[in-house]
C-alpha cells in the first residue's frame, strides 16, 4: 500500500503552474457525448477520474485519445448508454453521463455516483430536473435507469443551489424540444465553463453564472475545440501553503476572480496577496491571525477549501472557527489532525481550532482529496515524519502531488508500506 511521507519543511517558496479544473473537466468530458462530430479538449489533467472516464468511453463506443496535450473525443460511434455500475461508483461526477446520453438514446442505465468518502451526496435535484423534462427514473440495487421517449423544455426550480445538478440539467436540456429555464442555479465557474463549451458546439444557453439560466433546445451539436478553466481549488491550496511558515508562492495560469473569497480570507489573517492578469502571489508573514470561515456556494468561500484552510489556521494563534453548512459532515480530516496534536473541537457543523500549538508527526488517513491536502500541509509543519495513507483519494485530484509540492520546497516522498509496517509495528489509523 502506498503512503505519502511528509517532513517539516520550513518556508515554502516557488512557482506552480495550475492544471485544468478537475470539476470542470469531468463535466466537459461527459458533455462531449452530446456532440455529433469530433471534440477536442485542452488542459484536461491526467488524473485518476479522467482515466475512469476513458474506460467508460471505451465501453460505450466513444473514441477518446490524448494527442499533443489535447483529449480528442469522437462521439459518433457511441452505441450504448449503459454505464458499468462499478466504474460509475468509483467517482462522483459519473452522473453527468445520464444527462449527456439521455437525449440521444432515450434510456440511460448507470450506477450510483461514488468518490469522496466524507458524506453521501444525494442526487435528488438531478432526478427532479430529469423528471421535469419528461423522464422517468427507476432505482435498483446498484444502479438507476433514466428513460424518456422525448425530452421537452420546462421550468426547473432547484430546492437548493447545486453545481452538479445545474450542469446535469443543462446537459439534458440542450437537445430537448423547446425552452428550459433553471431557477436558483449555481453560479460556479465550472457551470459557466460547461455552458461556454456547449455554446461553442452550437447550443443556445444564456445566463450561465447567474441564478437564472435559459436554454433553447437545438436538434444537434457540432464538433469543436475548448480549453478547460484552471483549477481554482488546487490554486487555493498552494496559496495557503505560503502561509504555513512565511513563504512566498506564485500560482500561474489562474483566473484571480475565481478565488476572490479565499484571497480575502488570506489577507484577513495576515498574508499579503498580489494579483496579476493570470497569476497570484501569496506572501506569508510568519504571523497569522485567527479568524472565522463560513463555507458556502460560489462566490462564497468554497467548501473544498475549508479543509486545507483548517491546516493553515492551526498555525494562527488564538481560536478560529470553520463552519461548513454545504457539507456539514466534511470534517473527517479533524480526527486525523488530532493525531498530530491539533486541538480542534467539533460542534455540529463547525470546527473550533486552537491555533499556534506544535504538531508531532504520525500516521493519518485521507478520506478525500481535500482532506488529504489538509493532512499534507499539516505534515509539512509537524516535527518528525507524517505518513498519510489513502493516497488514492489525493490522486483523484492531483496528477503529481509529490512533484508539485517538492517544486516549492516541500519535503515529501511516496513510499510503499513494507512488511514490518503492514504487520502493525506502526500505529495505523482506525
Protein backbone atom coordinates (compact mmCIF):
# COMPACT_ATOMS: atom_id res chain seq x y z
CA UNK A 1 0.00 0.00 0.00
CA UNK A 2 1.28 3.44 -0.90
CA UNK A 3 1.57 6.30 1.54
CA UNK A 4 2.99 9.82 1.47
CA UNK A 5 5.78 10.66 3.88
CA UNK A 6 6.00 14.34 4.85
CA UNK A 7 8.65 16.06 6.96
CA UNK A 8 8.98 19.51 8.46
CA UNK A 9 9.90 21.77 5.55
CA UNK A 10 10.14 25.38 6.77
CA UNK A 11 9.05 28.22 4.45
CA UNK A 12 7.78 27.12 1.04
CA UNK A 13 8.84 29.20 -1.94
CA UNK A 14 8.45 28.93 -5.69
CA UNK A 15 6.11 28.96 -8.68
CA UNK A 16 3.44 26.41 -9.56
CA UNK A 17 1.58 26.13 -12.86
CA UNK A 18 -2.06 25.26 -12.18
CA UNK A 19 -3.68 22.48 -14.27
CA UNK A 20 -7.17 22.43 -15.74
CA UNK A 21 -10.01 22.23 -13.26
CA UNK A 22 -10.93 18.70 -12.26
CA UNK A 23 -14.60 19.53 -11.58
CA UNK A 24 -14.97 21.27 -14.93
CA UNK A 25 -13.09 18.55 -16.83
CA UNK A 26 -15.37 15.79 -15.59
CA UNK A 27 -18.43 17.70 -16.83
CA UNK A 28 -16.85 18.57 -20.20
CA UNK A 29 -15.78 15.00 -20.93
CA UNK A 30 -19.31 13.71 -20.39
CA UNK A 31 -20.80 16.67 -22.28
CA UNK A 32 -18.79 15.66 -25.35
CA UNK A 33 -21.26 12.77 -25.76
CA UNK A 34 -23.85 15.33 -26.91
CA UNK A 35 -21.84 16.36 -29.97
CA UNK A 36 -22.30 14.98 -33.47
CA UNK A 37 -18.68 15.42 -34.50
CA UNK A 38 -15.15 15.30 -33.09
CA UNK A 39 -14.45 17.32 -29.94
CA UNK A 40 -11.03 18.44 -28.72
CA UNK A 41 -10.50 19.49 -25.11
CA UNK A 42 -7.32 21.22 -23.98
CA UNK A 43 -5.97 21.31 -20.43
CA UNK A 44 -7.68 18.16 -19.12
CA UNK A 45 -5.48 16.85 -16.27
CA UNK A 46 -4.37 13.17 -16.44
CA UNK A 47 -5.86 12.28 -13.05
CA UNK A 48 -7.47 9.02 -11.94
CA UNK A 49 -11.07 10.18 -12.51
CA UNK A 50 -10.23 11.01 -16.14
CA UNK A 51 -8.79 7.53 -16.59
CA UNK A 52 -12.10 6.06 -15.39
CA UNK A 53 -13.96 8.21 -17.93
CA UNK A 54 -11.65 6.86 -20.64
CA UNK A 55 -12.69 3.33 -19.66
CA UNK A 56 -16.40 4.28 -19.69
CA UNK A 57 -15.97 5.94 -23.08
CA UNK A 58 -14.39 2.79 -24.47
CA UNK A 59 -17.26 0.69 -23.11
CA UNK A 60 -19.96 2.80 -24.80
CA UNK A 61 -18.09 3.19 -28.09
CA UNK A 62 -16.77 6.75 -27.84
CA UNK A 63 -13.21 7.04 -29.05
CA UNK A 64 -11.06 9.02 -26.61
CA UNK A 65 -7.33 9.65 -27.11
CA UNK A 66 -4.74 12.10 -25.80
CA UNK A 67 -2.82 13.83 -28.59
CA UNK A 68 -0.34 16.70 -28.11
CA UNK A 69 -1.84 17.72 -24.79
CA UNK A 70 -5.42 17.52 -26.07
CA UNK A 71 -8.14 14.99 -25.35
CA UNK A 72 -9.73 14.06 -28.67
CA UNK A 73 -13.20 12.52 -28.44
CA UNK A 74 -15.31 11.10 -31.24
CA UNK A 75 -18.91 10.59 -30.07
CA UNK A 76 -20.17 9.48 -33.49
CA UNK A 77 -19.51 5.85 -32.63
CA UNK A 78 -21.35 5.69 -29.33
CA UNK A 79 -23.51 2.57 -29.43
CA UNK A 80 -24.56 2.14 -25.82
CA UNK A 81 -25.96 4.18 -22.93
CA UNK A 82 -25.31 1.53 -20.28
CA UNK A 83 -22.60 2.59 -17.85
CA UNK A 84 -20.89 -0.11 -15.79
CA UNK A 85 -22.06 0.33 -12.17
CA UNK A 86 -18.62 -0.38 -10.75
CA UNK A 87 -16.97 2.31 -12.85
CA UNK A 88 -19.79 4.80 -12.22
CA UNK A 89 -19.47 4.29 -8.46
CA UNK A 90 -15.72 4.96 -8.48
CA UNK A 91 -16.17 8.72 -8.86
CA UNK A 92 -18.86 11.27 -8.06
CA UNK A 93 -19.40 13.04 -11.39
CA UNK A 94 -20.41 9.89 -13.28
CA UNK A 95 -23.98 11.18 -13.08
CA UNK A 96 -23.20 13.60 -15.93
CA UNK A 97 -23.40 10.69 -18.36
CA UNK A 98 -27.11 10.42 -17.55
CA UNK A 99 -27.81 13.98 -18.67
CA UNK A 100 -25.48 13.78 -21.67
CA UNK A 101 -26.76 10.49 -23.14
CA UNK A 102 -30.48 10.79 -22.40
CA UNK A 103 -31.48 12.91 -25.40
CA UNK A 104 -29.57 10.70 -27.85
CA UNK A 105 -30.65 7.29 -26.56
CA UNK A 106 -33.86 7.90 -24.61
CA UNK A 107 -32.68 5.48 -21.92
CA UNK A 108 -29.57 5.52 -19.73
CA UNK A 109 -28.55 2.83 -17.24
CA UNK A 110 -25.91 3.96 -14.77
CA UNK A 111 -24.53 3.09 -11.32
CA UNK A 112 -24.85 5.40 -8.35
CA UNK A 113 -22.13 8.04 -8.01
CA UNK A 114 -19.22 7.40 -5.69
CA UNK A 115 -15.95 9.19 -4.98
CA UNK A 116 -15.09 11.18 -1.88
CA UNK A 117 -15.75 9.29 1.32
CA UNK A 118 -16.86 12.21 3.52
CA UNK A 119 -20.62 12.40 3.01
CA UNK A 120 -23.35 10.84 0.94
CA UNK A 121 -24.20 13.33 -1.78
CA UNK A 122 -27.84 12.94 -2.79
CA UNK A 123 -28.87 13.20 -6.43
CA UNK A 124 -32.46 14.23 -5.74
CA UNK A 125 -32.08 17.58 -7.53
CA UNK A 126 -30.69 15.78 -10.60
CA UNK A 127 -33.71 13.46 -10.59
CA UNK A 128 -36.05 16.43 -10.17
CA UNK A 129 -34.57 18.05 -13.29
CA UNK A 130 -34.84 14.87 -15.38
CA UNK A 131 -38.45 14.34 -14.36
CA UNK A 132 -39.36 17.96 -15.13
CA UNK A 133 -38.02 17.42 -18.65
CA UNK A 134 -40.27 14.37 -19.09
CA UNK A 135 -38.08 11.48 -17.99
CA UNK A 136 -38.91 8.61 -15.65
CA UNK A 137 -36.34 7.40 -13.14
CA UNK A 138 -36.30 3.91 -11.62
CA UNK A 139 -33.94 2.78 -8.89
CA UNK A 140 -32.37 -0.64 -8.44
CA UNK A 141 -29.85 -2.08 -6.00
CA UNK A 142 -26.64 -0.87 -7.66
CA UNK A 143 -27.89 1.33 -10.49
CA UNK A 144 -30.70 3.51 -11.74
CA UNK A 145 -32.40 3.92 -15.12
CA UNK A 146 -33.41 7.25 -16.65
CA UNK A 147 -35.84 6.91 -19.56
CA UNK A 148 -37.69 9.40 -21.78
CA UNK A 149 -39.45 8.95 -25.11
CA UNK A 150 -38.91 12.66 -25.65
CA UNK A 151 -37.39 15.47 -23.62
CA UNK A 152 -39.31 18.74 -23.56
CA UNK A 153 -38.24 22.08 -22.14
CA UNK A 154 -39.55 23.02 -18.70
CA UNK A 155 -39.18 25.43 -15.80
CA UNK A 156 -36.99 23.79 -13.16
CA UNK A 157 -36.79 25.21 -9.65
CA UNK A 158 -33.92 23.81 -7.61
CA UNK A 159 -34.66 23.44 -3.89
CA UNK A 160 -31.02 24.18 -3.12
CA UNK A 161 -28.07 25.60 -5.01
CA UNK A 162 -26.14 22.71 -6.52
CA UNK A 163 -23.44 22.90 -9.16
CA UNK A 164 -23.74 19.23 -10.18
CA UNK A 165 -27.50 19.32 -10.74
CA UNK A 166 -27.29 22.66 -12.57
CA UNK A 167 -24.76 21.21 -15.02
CA UNK A 168 -26.68 17.94 -15.43
CA UNK A 169 -29.92 19.82 -16.14
CA UNK A 170 -28.12 21.87 -18.80
CA UNK A 171 -26.80 18.70 -20.44
CA UNK A 172 -30.25 17.13 -20.58
CA UNK A 173 -31.96 20.33 -21.77
CA UNK A 174 -29.51 21.26 -24.56
CA UNK A 175 -31.19 18.90 -27.08
CA UNK A 176 -34.66 18.90 -25.52
CA UNK A 177 -37.51 20.39 -27.54
CA UNK A 178 -38.39 23.94 -26.59
CA UNK A 179 -37.19 26.25 -23.84
CA UNK A 180 -35.87 25.29 -20.41
CA UNK A 181 -35.37 27.71 -17.55
CA UNK A 182 -33.28 26.82 -14.50
CA UNK A 183 -34.11 28.79 -11.36
CA UNK A 184 -31.84 29.02 -8.29
CA UNK A 185 -28.99 27.77 -10.50
CA UNK A 186 -25.41 27.51 -9.23
CA UNK A 187 -23.04 30.34 -10.16
CA UNK A 188 -19.82 28.30 -10.15
CA UNK A 189 -17.13 28.94 -12.80
CA UNK A 190 -17.44 25.25 -13.74
CA UNK A 191 -21.10 25.84 -14.68
CA UNK A 192 -20.06 28.79 -16.85
CA UNK A 193 -17.26 26.74 -18.43
CA UNK A 194 -19.61 23.89 -19.34
CA UNK A 195 -22.11 26.31 -20.86
CA UNK A 196 -19.34 28.03 -22.85
CA UNK A 197 -18.20 24.67 -24.22
CA UNK A 198 -21.71 23.64 -25.25
CA UNK A 199 -22.36 27.03 -26.85
CA UNK A 200 -19.16 26.63 -28.82
CA UNK A 201 -20.67 23.43 -30.26
CA UNK A 202 -23.90 25.20 -31.20
CA UNK A 203 -26.00 25.06 -28.03
CA UNK A 204 -28.08 28.08 -27.01
CA UNK A 205 -27.51 28.63 -23.30
CA UNK A 206 -27.99 32.08 -21.80
CA UNK A 207 -27.33 33.40 -18.30
CA UNK A 208 -24.79 30.86 -17.04
CA UNK A 209 -23.14 32.36 -13.98
CA UNK A 210 -26.44 33.89 -12.79
CA UNK A 211 -29.26 32.32 -10.74
CA UNK A 212 -31.46 32.03 -13.85
CA UNK A 213 -30.29 30.08 -16.91
CA UNK A 214 -32.28 29.83 -20.14
CA UNK A 215 -31.69 27.01 -22.61
CA UNK A 216 -33.20 26.91 -26.09
CA UNK A 217 -33.13 23.32 -27.30
CA UNK A 218 -31.30 22.50 -30.54
CA UNK A 219 -31.57 19.35 -32.69
CA UNK A 220 -27.84 18.69 -32.98
CA UNK A 221 -24.41 19.91 -31.89
CA UNK A 222 -21.26 20.34 -33.96
CA UNK A 223 -17.73 19.39 -33.00
CA UNK A 224 -15.22 21.92 -31.74
CA UNK A 225 -12.27 22.78 -29.52
CA UNK A 226 -12.36 24.15 -25.98
CA UNK A 227 -9.83 24.85 -23.20
CA UNK A 228 -10.86 23.99 -19.66
CA UNK A 229 -10.59 26.68 -16.98
CA UNK A 230 -7.78 26.40 -14.39
CA UNK A 231 -8.39 24.59 -11.11
CA UNK A 232 -9.20 27.26 -8.52
CA UNK A 233 -9.20 24.67 -5.71
CA UNK A 234 -5.66 23.47 -6.38
CA UNK A 235 -4.54 27.10 -6.74
CA UNK A 236 -6.14 27.98 -3.41
CA UNK A 237 -4.38 25.15 -1.59
CA UNK A 238 -0.95 26.21 -2.89
CA UNK A 239 -1.57 29.84 -1.90
CA UNK A 240 -2.47 28.67 1.60
CA UNK A 241 0.79 26.72 1.72
CA UNK A 242 2.69 30.01 1.50
CA UNK A 243 1.33 30.99 4.92
CA UNK A 244 2.48 27.89 6.79
CA UNK A 245 5.93 29.22 7.70
CA UNK A 246 6.18 32.59 5.99
CA UNK A 247 6.93 31.54 2.41
CA UNK A 248 6.19 33.04 -0.99
CA UNK A 249 4.30 31.09 -3.67
CA UNK A 250 3.13 32.19 -7.11
CA UNK A 251 0.42 30.24 -8.93
CA UNK A 252 0.43 30.70 -12.70
CA UNK A 253 -2.29 30.17 -15.32
CA UNK A 254 -5.16 31.08 -13.00
CA UNK A 255 -8.21 33.34 -13.13
CA UNK A 256 -7.87 35.52 -10.00
CA UNK A 257 -11.58 36.43 -9.98
CA UNK A 258 -12.41 32.78 -9.28
CA UNK A 259 -10.55 32.99 -5.95
CA UNK A 260 -11.87 36.29 -4.59
CA UNK A 261 -13.35 34.86 -1.37
CA UNK A 262 -10.36 32.74 -0.25
CA UNK A 263 -7.92 35.52 -1.18
CA UNK A 264 -9.87 37.95 1.00
CA UNK A 265 -9.57 35.50 3.92
CA UNK A 266 -5.83 35.05 3.41
CA UNK A 267 -5.41 38.81 3.62
CA UNK A 268 -7.68 38.92 6.66
CA UNK A 269 -5.46 36.50 8.60
CA UNK A 270 -2.31 38.49 7.85
CA UNK A 271 -0.97 37.28 4.49
CA UNK A 272 -0.20 39.58 1.59
CA UNK A 273 -1.67 38.76 -1.83
CA UNK A 274 -0.64 40.19 -5.17
CA UNK A 275 -2.97 39.64 -8.14
CA UNK A 276 -1.89 39.70 -11.78
CA UNK A 277 -3.77 39.08 -15.01
CA UNK A 278 -3.27 35.33 -14.91
CA UNK A 279 -1.23 34.77 -11.75
CA UNK A 280 -1.42 35.29 -7.99
CA UNK A 281 1.42 35.53 -5.49
CA UNK A 282 0.83 34.90 -1.78
CA UNK A 283 3.34 36.05 0.84
CA UNK A 284 3.35 34.57 4.32
CA UNK A 285 4.39 37.00 7.05
CA UNK A 286 5.19 34.38 9.68
CA UNK A 287 2.44 35.71 11.92
CA UNK A 288 -1.17 34.70 11.30
CA UNK A 289 -4.36 35.90 12.97
CA UNK A 290 -7.25 33.64 13.94
CA UNK A 291 -10.49 34.14 12.01
CA UNK A 292 -13.88 32.69 11.24
CA UNK A 293 -14.69 30.87 7.98
CA UNK A 294 -18.17 30.08 6.72
CA UNK A 295 -18.07 27.80 3.69
CA UNK A 296 -20.76 28.44 1.11
CA UNK A 297 -21.67 28.12 -2.53
CA UNK A 298 -19.78 30.23 -5.08
CA UNK A 299 -18.91 33.10 -4.92
CA UNK A 300 -18.54 32.36 -1.19
CA UNK A 301 -15.63 30.50 0.44
CA UNK A 302 -15.58 27.08 -1.25
CA UNK A 303 -16.36 24.03 0.89
CA UNK A 304 -13.48 22.29 -0.94
CA UNK A 305 -11.04 24.79 0.57
CA UNK A 306 -12.18 24.66 4.19
CA UNK A 307 -10.06 21.55 4.82
CA UNK A 308 -6.68 22.94 3.68
CA UNK A 309 -7.65 26.24 5.34
CA UNK A 310 -8.05 24.34 8.62
CA UNK A 311 -4.42 23.23 8.36
CA UNK A 312 -3.34 26.83 7.83
CA UNK A 313 -5.42 28.14 10.75
CA UNK A 314 -3.70 25.65 13.04
CA UNK A 315 -0.69 27.98 12.65
CA UNK A 316 -2.68 31.08 13.68
CA UNK A 317 -2.55 31.89 17.40
CA UNK A 318 -5.95 32.09 19.03
CA UNK A 319 -9.27 30.42 18.29
CA UNK A 320 -10.55 30.09 14.74
CA UNK A 321 -13.95 28.73 13.76
CA UNK A 322 -14.65 26.94 10.47
CA UNK A 323 -18.32 26.36 9.68
CA UNK A 324 -19.49 24.25 6.73
CA UNK A 325 -23.22 24.08 6.11
CA UNK A 326 -22.76 22.97 2.49
CA UNK A 327 -21.47 19.55 3.59
CA UNK A 328 -21.66 19.58 7.41
CA UNK A 329 -20.07 16.13 7.63
CA UNK A 330 -16.99 17.23 5.72
CA UNK A 331 -14.79 17.13 8.80
CA UNK A 332 -13.25 13.66 8.52
CA UNK A 333 -9.83 15.33 8.48
CA UNK A 334 -10.30 16.68 12.03
CA UNK A 335 -9.82 13.38 13.95
CA UNK A 336 -6.73 12.77 11.80
CA UNK A 337 -5.29 16.20 12.56
CA UNK A 338 -5.82 15.47 16.25
CA UNK A 339 -3.48 12.50 15.84
CA UNK A 340 -0.75 15.06 15.08
CA UNK A 341 -1.52 17.07 18.21
CA UNK A 342 -4.08 19.54 16.90
CA UNK A 343 -6.68 20.86 19.34
CA UNK A 344 -9.90 21.01 17.33
CA UNK A 345 -13.38 20.61 18.76
CA UNK A 346 -16.32 19.68 16.53
CA UNK A 347 -19.77 21.06 17.31
CA UNK A 348 -22.47 20.26 14.77
CA UNK A 349 -21.33 21.93 11.54
CA UNK A 350 -18.39 23.88 12.99
CA UNK A 351 -14.78 23.17 13.92
CA UNK A 352 -13.24 25.22 16.74
CA UNK A 353 -9.48 25.40 16.23
CA UNK A 354 -6.96 26.40 18.88
CA UNK A 355 -4.03 27.52 16.77
CA UNK A 356 -0.36 28.09 17.42
CA UNK A 357 0.33 24.70 19.01
CA UNK A 358 3.25 22.46 17.96
CA UNK A 359 2.41 19.37 15.91
CA UNK A 360 4.09 15.99 16.07
CA UNK A 361 4.28 13.61 13.10
CA UNK A 362 2.31 10.36 13.00
CA UNK A 363 0.15 8.11 10.85
CA UNK A 364 -3.00 9.67 9.38
CA UNK A 365 -5.52 8.69 6.71
CA UNK A 366 -7.06 10.76 3.90
CA UNK A 367 -10.73 10.08 3.14
CA UNK A 368 -11.00 12.52 0.23
CA UNK A 369 -8.71 14.66 -1.91
CA UNK A 370 -9.09 17.92 0.04
CA UNK A 371 -8.71 16.14 3.38
CA UNK A 372 -5.52 14.63 2.01
CA UNK A 373 -4.11 18.05 1.15
CA UNK A 374 -5.06 19.30 4.63
CA UNK A 375 -3.08 16.45 6.20
CA UNK A 376 -0.18 17.04 3.83
CA UNK A 377 0.02 20.75 4.77
CA UNK A 378 -0.13 19.85 8.45
CA UNK A 379 2.60 17.25 7.99
CA UNK A 380 4.92 19.87 6.50
CA UNK A 381 4.74 21.85 9.77
CA UNK A 382 4.97 18.90 12.20
CA UNK A 383 8.13 17.67 13.89
CA UNK A 384 9.27 14.24 12.77
CA UNK A 385 7.63 12.39 9.91
CA UNK A 386 3.98 12.27 9.00
CA UNK A 387 2.71 9.30 6.97
CA UNK A 388 -0.52 9.75 5.00
CA UNK A 389 -2.46 6.75 3.73
CA UNK A 390 -5.49 6.95 1.43
CA UNK A 391 -3.23 8.21 -1.37
CA UNK A 392 -5.76 7.07 -3.99
CA UNK A 393 -8.10 9.86 -2.92
CA UNK A 394 -5.43 12.51 -3.44
CA UNK A 395 -4.55 11.08 -6.84
CA UNK A 396 -8.15 11.55 -7.93
CA UNK A 397 -7.50 15.30 -7.98
CA UNK A 398 -3.73 15.77 -8.40
CA UNK A 399 -1.65 14.48 -11.31
CA UNK A 400 1.65 14.61 -9.39
CA UNK A 401 1.13 15.85 -5.84
CA UNK A 402 4.67 14.90 -4.78
CA UNK A 403 6.40 16.68 -7.67
CA UNK A 404 4.19 19.77 -7.38
CA UNK A 405 4.86 20.32 -3.69
CA UNK A 406 8.55 19.38 -3.96
CA UNK A 407 8.95 22.14 -6.55
CA UNK A 408 8.21 24.70 -3.82
CA UNK A 409 10.49 23.11 -1.24
CA UNK A 410 8.24 20.60 0.48
CA UNK A 411 9.95 17.51 1.86
CA UNK A 412 7.68 14.76 0.55
CA UNK A 413 8.12 11.24 -0.73
CA UNK A 414 5.85 8.47 -1.98
CA UNK A 415 6.54 5.22 -0.12
CA UNK A 416 5.39 1.62 -0.24
CA UNK A 417 4.46 0.08 3.09
CA UNK A 418 6.87 -2.73 3.97
CA UNK A 419 6.07 -5.96 5.80
CA UNK A 420 7.06 -4.53 9.18
CA UNK A 421 4.67 -1.62 8.83
CA UNK A 422 1.88 -3.82 7.48
CA UNK A 423 2.29 -6.16 10.46
CA UNK A 424 1.31 -3.34 12.79
CA UNK A 425 4.56 -2.14 14.31
CA UNK A 426 3.45 1.36 13.37
CA UNK A 427 0.11 2.54 14.69
CA UNK A 428 -2.26 2.91 11.79
CA UNK A 429 -5.47 4.98 11.93
CA UNK A 430 -8.65 3.09 12.60
